[in-house]
Amino acid sequence: MTIRHRFHLDQNGHSISVLYEGPRRPVEVLVDGKTVVMGRAPRAARTVLTAELPGDPPQPFSIDLACPADSADGPMCALMEAGTRYPMPDVPLRPGR
């Protein structure tokens, strides 16, 4: 299974990553290296996944993944927390790691 995109953002002392392989494939959201939610990305549409950051109380957040209709275009990913949208950069994984 080859990961095509890894979106990453450090937020509120936590490391948040989104692993996306392509349309109709699994989307995985990790917080501090642990999977917190999984879903499927439909073809040429948006996927919204919700989860919580650990803490007392836990902080809810959503991931908005926009899948392009044209495969030549890249997907866009954003973290939504407390009414604010934070774009998540696509950070490639290093080969051999």
C-alpha atoms as a PDB file:
ATOM      1  CA  MET A   1       0.000   0.000   0.000  1.00  0.00           C
ATOM      2  CA  THR A   2       1.661   3.230  -1.182  1.00  0.00           C
ATOM      3  CA  ILE A   3       0.820   6.518   0.501  1.00  0.00           C
ATOM      4  CA  ARG A   4       0.545   9.284  -2.059  1.00  0.00           C
ATOM      5  CA  HIS A   5      -0.055  12.226   0.277  1.00  0.00           C
ATOM      6  CA  ARG A   6       0.747  13.009   3.898  1.00  0.00           C
ATOM      7  CA  PHE A   7      -0.698  16.236   5.271  1.00  0.00           C
ATOM      8  CA  HIS A   8       0.752  17.389   8.584  1.00  0.00           C
ATOM      9  CA  LEU A   9       0.255  20.124  11.160  1.00  0.00           C
ATOM     10  CA  ASP A  10       1.386  20.623  14.758  1.00  0.00           C
ATOM     11  CA  GLN A  11      -1.572  22.019  16.717  1.00  0.00           C
ATOM     12  CA  ASN A  12      -2.017  22.673  20.459  1.00  0.00           C
ATOM     13  CA  GLY A  13       1.025  20.562  21.342  1.00  0.00           C
ATOM     14  CA  HIS A  14      -0.105  17.610  19.204  1.00  0.00           C
ATOM     15  CA  SER A  15       1.146  16.190  15.924  1.00  0.00           C
ATOM     16  CA  ILE A  16      -1.731  15.699  13.436  1.00  0.00           C
ATOM     17  CA  SER A  17      -1.250  13.819  10.157  1.00  0.00           C
ATOM     18  CA  VAL A  18      -3.644  12.786   7.392  1.00  0.00           C
ATOM     19  CA  LEU A  19      -2.625   9.912   5.110  1.00  0.00           C
ATOM     20  CA  TYR A  20      -4.423   9.879   1.752  1.00  0.00           C
ATOM     21  CA  GLU A  21      -3.881   7.357  -1.046  1.00  0.00           C
ATOM     22  CA  GLY A  22      -6.398   8.509  -3.624  1.00  0.00           C
ATOM     23  CA  PRO A  23     -10.088   8.392  -4.546  1.00  0.00           C
ATOM     24  CA  ARG A  24     -12.103   5.550  -3.030  1.00  0.00           C
ATOM     25  CA  ARG A  25      -9.160   4.612  -0.836  1.00  0.00           C
ATOM     26  CA  PRO A  26      -8.813   4.819   2.944  1.00  0.00           C
ATOM     27  CA  VAL A  27      -8.053   8.146   4.615  1.00  0.00           C
ATOM     28  CA  GLU A  28      -6.345   7.858   7.992  1.00  0.00           C
ATOM     29  CA  VAL A  29      -6.052  10.608  10.619  1.00  0.00           C
ATOM     30  CA  LEU A  30      -3.309  10.240  13.216  1.00  0.00           C
ATOM     31  CA  VAL A  31      -2.800  12.258  16.404  1.00  0.00           C
ATOM     32  CA  ASP A  32       0.615  11.876  18.024  1.00  0.00           C
ATOM     33  CA  GLY A  33       1.272   8.864  15.781  1.00  0.00           C
ATOM     34  CA  LYS A  34      -1.914   6.979  16.727  1.00  0.00           C
ATOM     35  CA  THR A  35      -4.854   6.430  14.393  1.00  0.00           C
ATOM     36  CA  VAL A  36      -7.917   8.269  15.713  1.00  0.00           C
ATOM     37  CA  VAL A  37     -10.287   7.940  12.725  1.00  0.00           C
ATOM     38  CA  MET A  38     -10.427   6.321   9.285  1.00  0.00           C
ATOM     39  CA  GLY A  39     -12.749   6.880   6.356  1.00  0.00           C
ATOM     40  CA  ARG A  40     -12.962   6.576   2.588  1.00  0.00           C
ATOM     41  CA  ALA A  41     -12.367   9.374   0.120  1.00  0.00           C
ATOM     42  CA  PRO A  42     -15.014   9.491  -2.604  1.00  0.00           C
ATOM     43  CA  ARG A  43     -14.010  10.382  -6.130  1.00  0.00           C
ATOM     44  CA  ALA A  44     -14.053  14.155  -6.839  1.00  0.00           C
ATOM     45  CA  ALA A  45     -15.711  15.191  -3.613  1.00  0.00           C
ATOM     46  CA  ARG A  46     -15.065  16.275  -0.047  1.00  0.00           C
ATOM     47  CA  THR A  47     -14.533  14.061   2.940  1.00  0.00           C
ATOM     48  CA  VAL A  48     -14.989  15.401   6.466  1.00  0.00           C
ATOM     49  CA  LEU A  49     -13.707  13.298   9.352  1.00  0.00           C
ATOM     50  CA  THR A  50     -14.172  14.248  13.007  1.00  0.00           C
ATOM     51  CA  ALA A  51     -12.035  13.306  16.000  1.00  0.00           C
ATOM     52  CA  GLU A  52     -10.726  14.715  19.295  1.00  0.00           C
ATOM     53  CA  LEU A  53      -7.358  15.886  20.544  1.00  0.00           C
ATOM     54  CA  PRO A  54      -6.460  14.260  23.862  1.00  0.00           C
ATOM     55  CA  GLY A  55      -6.750  16.405  26.957  1.00  0.00           C
ATOM     56  CA  ASP A  56      -9.083  17.312  29.755  1.00  0.00           C
ATOM     57  CA  PRO A  57     -11.508  18.063  28.282  1.00  0.00           C
ATOM     58  CA  PRO A  58     -10.815  16.540  24.836  1.00  0.00           C
ATOM     59  CA  GLN A  59     -10.811  19.118  22.014  1.00  0.00           C
ATOM     60  CA  PRO A  60     -12.943  18.208  18.985  1.00  0.00           C
ATOM     61  CA  PHE A  61     -11.626  18.899  15.493  1.00  0.00           C
ATOM     62  CA  SER A  62     -12.503  18.025  11.899  1.00  0.00           C
ATOM     63  CA  ILE A  63     -10.429  17.245   8.849  1.00  0.00           C
ATOM     64  CA  ASP A  64     -11.747  18.560   5.521  1.00  0.00           C
ATOM     65  CA  LEU A  65     -10.175  16.721   2.568  1.00  0.00           C
ATOM     66  CA  ALA A  66     -11.093  17.966  -0.914  1.00  0.00           C
ATOM     67  CA  CYS A  67     -10.443  15.429  -3.662  1.00  0.00           C
ATOM     68  CA  PRO A  68     -10.057  16.982  -7.138  1.00  0.00           C
ATOM     69  CA  ALA A  69     -12.042  15.808 -10.160  1.00  0.00           C
ATOM     70  CA  ASP A  70      -8.875  15.884 -12.282  1.00  0.00           C
ATOM     71  CA  SER A  71      -6.208  13.447 -11.071  1.00  0.00           C
ATOM     72  CA  ALA A  72      -3.526  15.901 -12.294  1.00  0.00           C
ATOM     73  CA  ASP A  73      -4.601  18.283  -9.517  1.00  0.00           C
ATOM     74  CA  GLY A  74      -3.562  17.604  -5.946  1.00  0.00           C
ATOM     75  CA  PRO A  75      -5.946  17.232  -3.015  1.00  0.00           C
ATOM     76  CA  MET A  76      -6.332  19.950  -0.400  1.00  0.00           C
ATOM     77  CA  CYS A  77      -6.594  19.292   3.312  1.00  0.00           C
ATOM     78  CA  ALA A  78      -7.497  21.532   6.254  1.00  0.00           C
ATOM     79  CA  LEU A  79      -7.924  21.137   9.998  1.00  0.00           C
ATOM     80  CA  MET A  80     -11.011  22.823  11.440  1.00  0.00           C
ATOM     81  CA  GLU A  81     -10.961  23.583  15.153  1.00  0.00           C
ATOM     82  CA  ALA A  82     -13.060  25.988  17.236  1.00  0.00           C
ATOM     83  CA  GLY A  83     -14.420  27.731  14.142  1.00  0.00           C
ATOM     84  CA  THR A  84     -10.978  28.300  12.590  1.00  0.00           C
ATOM     85  CA  ARG A  85      -9.665  26.632   9.430  1.00  0.00           C
ATOM     86  CA  TYR A  86      -5.959  25.723   9.269  1.00  0.00           C
ATOM     87  CA  PRO A  87      -4.570  24.587   5.878  1.00  0.00           C
ATOM     88  CA  MET A  88      -2.444  21.449   6.211  1.00  0.00           C
ATOM     89  CA  PRO A  89       0.645  21.276   3.984  1.00  0.00           C
ATOM     90  CA  ASP A  90       1.364  18.143   1.956  1.00  0.00           C
ATOM     91  CA  VAL A  91       4.608  16.828   3.472  1.00  0.00           C
ATOM     92  CA  PRO A  92       6.071  13.896   1.530  1.00  0.00           C
ATOM     93  CA  LEU A  93       7.370  10.917   3.450  1.00  0.00           C
ATOM     94  CA  ARG A  94      11.058  10.336   3.005  1.00  0.00           C
ATOM     95  CA  PRO A  95      11.956   7.218   0.988  1.00  0.00           C
ATOM     96  CA  GLY A  96      13.340   4.335   3.000  1.00  0.00           C
ATOM     97  CA  ARG A  97      11.766   5.486   6.270  1.00  0.00           C
END
